[in-house]
Amino acid sequence: MARPRLNLSLVLLIATTSLGSAAESTTAGTPDSVVSAERIGCSLRPTAEEPSDPSSTSAISRSEKFTARDHFKEDISSSATVRISWLGATFARRFVGKIEDDVGDVSLQSYVLDTAASDRDILAKLGQSHETRLADVWCLLQRQPSGSSGALRTGATPNIFYVRDAAGELGVVDAIWGGVGWEIGASPVGDKPRWPAGTRAFSR
């Protein structure tokens, strides 16, 4: 009795598909695509050379509260503490009303995405210290108020932070330099299929 023979083209197609699927599962969207970069220290407290000004929103004493709506405002004028050209509707709805306690010095770990990765992939790499605060976002923004070089990327790729909103729900805050000011957006965790390669993520 003759044994059935597989068509050679069919065999090659199956083999190619299997190899492609295996390569995709081991390279794209794994925690290995999120690479640790430098650790960054930042402070919202005034320096000795710059005494605290009660009317200023750039420097905040350790015991004071951080009120988001006092800092995150659309303003690209030369007098703006941080030039912000756009605040997204989701950010305005979920985060502008937030107040955070005990702000001051912070040490943030930065990560760079070598390949596109989802929130799930990034959070797996960041681990238990994945959460940051709006005060942390502001602390880094005020170091690059007009889009100068620094810890935050100023190209087309975003900087992302996992922050709890005013209701206590974890969300993703993203900041992109738009040429004349920072564009600040927000989205639910898992809402974006993948963040592009080059994205910089921050954790505590």
Protein backbone atom coordinates (compact mmCIF):
# COMPACT_ATOMS: atom_id res chain seq x y z
CA MET A 1 0.00 0.00 0.00
CA ALA A 2 1.49 3.33 -1.04
CA ARG A 3 2.14 5.91 1.67
CA PRO A 4 0.62 9.38 1.09
CA ARG A 5 3.21 12.03 0.20
CA LEU A 6 3.11 15.64 1.38
CA ASN A 7 3.38 18.18 -1.36
CA LEU A 8 6.89 19.76 -1.21
CA SER A 9 5.45 23.29 -1.39
CA LEU A 10 3.14 22.53 1.54
CA VAL A 11 6.05 21.25 3.62
CA LEU A 12 8.07 24.40 2.94
CA LEU A 13 5.08 26.62 3.78
CA ILE A 14 4.51 24.90 7.14
CA ALA A 15 8.21 25.11 8.04
CA THR A 16 8.46 28.80 7.13
CA THR A 17 5.33 29.69 9.10
CA SER A 18 6.58 27.83 12.16
CA LEU A 19 9.96 29.52 12.06
CA GLY A 20 8.38 32.94 11.63
CA SER A 21 6.03 32.42 14.56
CA ALA A 22 8.86 31.22 16.79
CA ALA A 23 11.02 34.23 15.91
CA GLU A 24 8.17 36.64 16.62
CA SER A 25 7.39 35.07 19.98
CA THR A 26 11.01 35.32 21.15
CA THR A 27 11.87 38.80 19.89
CA ALA A 28 8.89 41.14 19.81
CA GLY A 29 7.10 42.26 22.92
CA THR A 30 9.10 40.32 25.51
CA PRO A 31 10.53 41.83 28.72
CA ASP A 32 13.98 41.51 27.07
CA SER A 33 12.96 44.32 24.71
CA VAL A 34 12.90 46.71 27.68
CA VAL A 35 16.50 47.61 28.57
CA SER A 36 17.61 49.36 31.76
CA ALA A 37 19.29 52.73 31.23
CA GLU A 38 20.58 55.28 33.74
CA ARG A 39 19.16 56.17 37.16
CA ILE A 40 18.21 59.83 37.48
CA GLY A 41 17.99 61.94 40.61
CA CYS A 42 15.55 64.82 40.66
CA SER A 43 14.26 67.28 43.27
CA LEU A 44 11.37 69.71 43.46
CA ARG A 45 12.88 71.46 46.47
CA PRO A 46 14.63 74.79 45.92
CA THR A 47 18.42 74.83 45.94
CA ALA A 48 20.43 76.93 48.37
CA GLU A 49 21.15 79.36 45.53
CA GLU A 50 17.46 79.67 44.67
CA PRO A 51 15.37 80.32 47.81
CA SER A 52 11.77 79.19 47.66
CA ASP A 53 9.32 81.67 46.18
CA PRO A 54 5.77 81.08 47.48
CA SER A 55 4.35 82.23 44.14
CA SER A 56 6.53 79.88 42.09
CA THR A 57 5.37 76.42 40.94
CA SER A 58 8.82 75.23 39.89
CA ALA A 59 10.21 74.50 43.37
CA ILE A 60 8.17 72.89 46.14
CA SER A 61 9.18 72.23 49.73
CA ARG A 62 9.23 68.62 50.93
CA SER A 63 6.22 69.09 53.22
CA GLU A 64 3.99 70.74 50.62
CA LYS A 65 1.43 69.05 48.43
CA PHE A 66 1.76 68.77 44.67
CA THR A 67 -1.43 70.04 43.01
CA ALA A 68 -1.47 68.94 39.38
CA ARG A 69 -3.71 71.72 38.07
CA ASP A 70 -1.25 74.35 39.36
CA HIS A 71 1.51 72.91 37.18
CA PHE A 72 0.09 71.14 34.13
CA LYS A 73 -1.26 74.02 32.05
CA GLU A 74 -1.11 74.78 28.34
CA ASP A 75 1.37 77.64 28.10
CA ILE A 76 4.18 78.11 25.57
CA SER A 77 5.11 81.65 26.52
CA SER A 78 8.68 82.58 27.42
CA SER A 79 7.62 82.99 31.05
CA ALA A 80 6.20 79.46 31.36
CA THR A 81 7.92 77.27 33.97
CA VAL A 82 7.53 74.39 31.51
CA ARG A 83 6.34 74.97 27.98
CA ILE A 84 3.28 72.77 27.43
CA SER A 85 1.58 73.06 24.05
CA TRP A 86 -1.12 70.42 24.55
CA LEU A 87 -2.89 68.53 27.32
CA GLY A 88 -4.92 65.52 26.21
CA ALA A 89 -8.58 65.19 27.19
CA THR A 90 -7.95 61.93 29.08
CA PHE A 91 -5.09 63.50 31.03
CA ALA A 92 -7.23 66.53 31.88
CA ARG A 93 -10.13 64.33 33.00
CA ARG A 94 -8.17 61.77 35.02
CA PHE A 95 -5.05 63.54 36.30
CA VAL A 96 -5.39 67.33 36.47
CA GLY A 97 -7.47 67.11 39.65
CA LYS A 98 -4.92 64.98 41.50
CA ILE A 99 -3.11 66.16 44.65
CA GLU A 100 -0.01 64.33 45.90
CA ASP A 101 1.57 64.55 49.37
CA ASP A 102 5.18 64.74 50.55
CA VAL A 103 7.00 65.67 47.37
CA GLY A 104 10.74 66.25 47.30
CA ASP A 105 13.78 64.32 46.18
CA VAL A 106 13.25 61.30 43.95
CA SER A 107 15.44 58.75 42.20
CA LEU A 108 13.99 57.37 38.98
CA GLN A 109 15.16 54.41 36.93
CA SER A 110 14.89 54.86 33.17
CA TYR A 111 14.40 52.14 30.56
CA VAL A 112 14.58 52.17 26.77
CA LEU A 113 12.50 49.97 24.47
CA ASP A 114 14.79 48.22 21.97
CA THR A 115 11.72 46.85 20.19
CA ALA A 116 8.01 47.63 20.35
CA ALA A 117 6.47 46.44 23.62
CA SER A 118 3.08 46.43 25.32
CA ASP A 119 2.25 47.81 28.76
CA ARG A 120 2.22 44.23 30.05
CA ASP A 121 5.76 43.63 28.76
CA ILE A 122 7.03 46.91 30.21
CA LEU A 123 5.39 46.40 33.61
CA ALA A 124 6.89 42.91 33.80
CA LYS A 125 10.35 44.46 33.40
CA LEU A 126 9.73 47.38 35.78
CA GLY A 127 8.47 45.07 38.53
CA GLN A 128 7.10 46.23 41.89
CA SER A 129 8.58 49.73 41.58
CA HIS A 130 6.71 50.51 38.35
CA GLU A 131 4.58 53.31 39.78
CA THR A 132 5.65 56.93 39.57
CA ARG A 133 3.83 60.15 40.44
CA LEU A 134 2.81 63.30 38.63
CA ALA A 135 5.34 65.17 40.76
CA ASP A 136 8.03 62.92 39.27
CA VAL A 137 6.85 63.72 35.74
CA TRP A 138 6.90 67.42 36.54
CA CYS A 139 10.32 67.18 38.15
CA LEU A 140 11.83 65.86 34.90
CA LEU A 141 9.85 68.29 32.73
CA GLN A 142 11.13 71.33 34.62
CA ARG A 143 14.70 70.20 33.92
CA GLN A 144 13.94 70.39 30.19
CA PRO A 145 11.31 73.15 30.07
CA SER A 146 12.00 74.16 26.48
CA GLY A 147 12.90 70.80 24.99
CA SER A 148 16.62 70.81 25.72
CA SER A 149 18.48 67.50 25.96
CA GLY A 150 18.25 65.49 29.15
CA ALA A 151 16.66 62.40 30.68
CA LEU A 152 13.47 62.83 28.63
CA ARG A 153 13.53 62.00 24.94
CA THR A 154 12.81 65.03 22.76
CA GLY A 155 12.34 63.24 19.44
CA ALA A 156 9.22 61.62 18.04
CA THR A 157 9.19 58.77 20.57
CA PRO A 158 7.32 59.19 23.87
CA ASN A 159 8.39 59.17 27.49
CA ILE A 160 5.98 57.12 29.60
CA PHE A 161 5.14 56.94 33.30
CA TYR A 162 2.75 54.61 35.12
CA VAL A 163 0.82 56.89 37.47
CA ARG A 164 -2.35 56.53 39.55
CA ASP A 165 -5.02 59.06 38.65
CA ALA A 166 -7.23 61.12 40.97
CA ALA A 167 -9.50 58.07 41.45
CA GLY A 168 -6.56 55.80 42.33
CA GLU A 169 -6.60 53.87 39.06
CA LEU A 170 -3.28 53.14 37.34
CA GLY A 171 -2.85 54.81 33.96
CA VAL A 172 -0.09 55.70 31.51
CA VAL A 173 1.05 59.32 31.24
CA ASP A 174 3.08 60.09 28.13
CA ALA A 175 5.12 63.18 27.30
CA ILE A 176 6.40 64.07 23.81
CA TRP A 177 8.26 67.22 22.79
CA GLY A 178 6.15 68.75 20.02
CA GLY A 179 8.60 71.39 18.77
CA VAL A 180 7.17 74.41 20.61
CA GLY A 181 6.14 72.69 23.83
CA TRP A 182 5.52 69.40 25.59
CA GLU A 183 2.45 67.37 24.66
CA ILE A 184 1.06 65.52 27.68
CA GLY A 185 -1.34 62.66 27.16
CA ALA A 186 -2.74 59.73 29.12
CA SER A 187 -4.37 56.37 28.42
CA PRO A 188 -5.60 53.32 30.33
CA VAL A 189 -3.01 50.59 30.88
CA GLY A 190 -3.27 48.16 27.98
CA ASP A 191 -5.15 50.59 25.74
CA LYS A 192 -2.23 50.97 23.32
CA PRO A 193 -1.25 47.69 21.57
CA ARG A 194 2.49 48.48 21.66
CA TRP A 195 4.72 51.42 22.46
CA PRO A 196 7.28 51.97 19.68
CA ALA A 197 10.97 51.14 19.88
CA GLY A 198 12.89 54.05 21.38
CA THR A 199 10.21 54.85 23.94
CA ARG A 200 11.67 55.72 27.33
CA ALA A 201 9.87 54.42 30.44
CA PHE A 202 10.44 55.51 34.03
CA SER A 203 9.97 53.82 37.40
CA ARG A 204 11.00 54.49 40.99
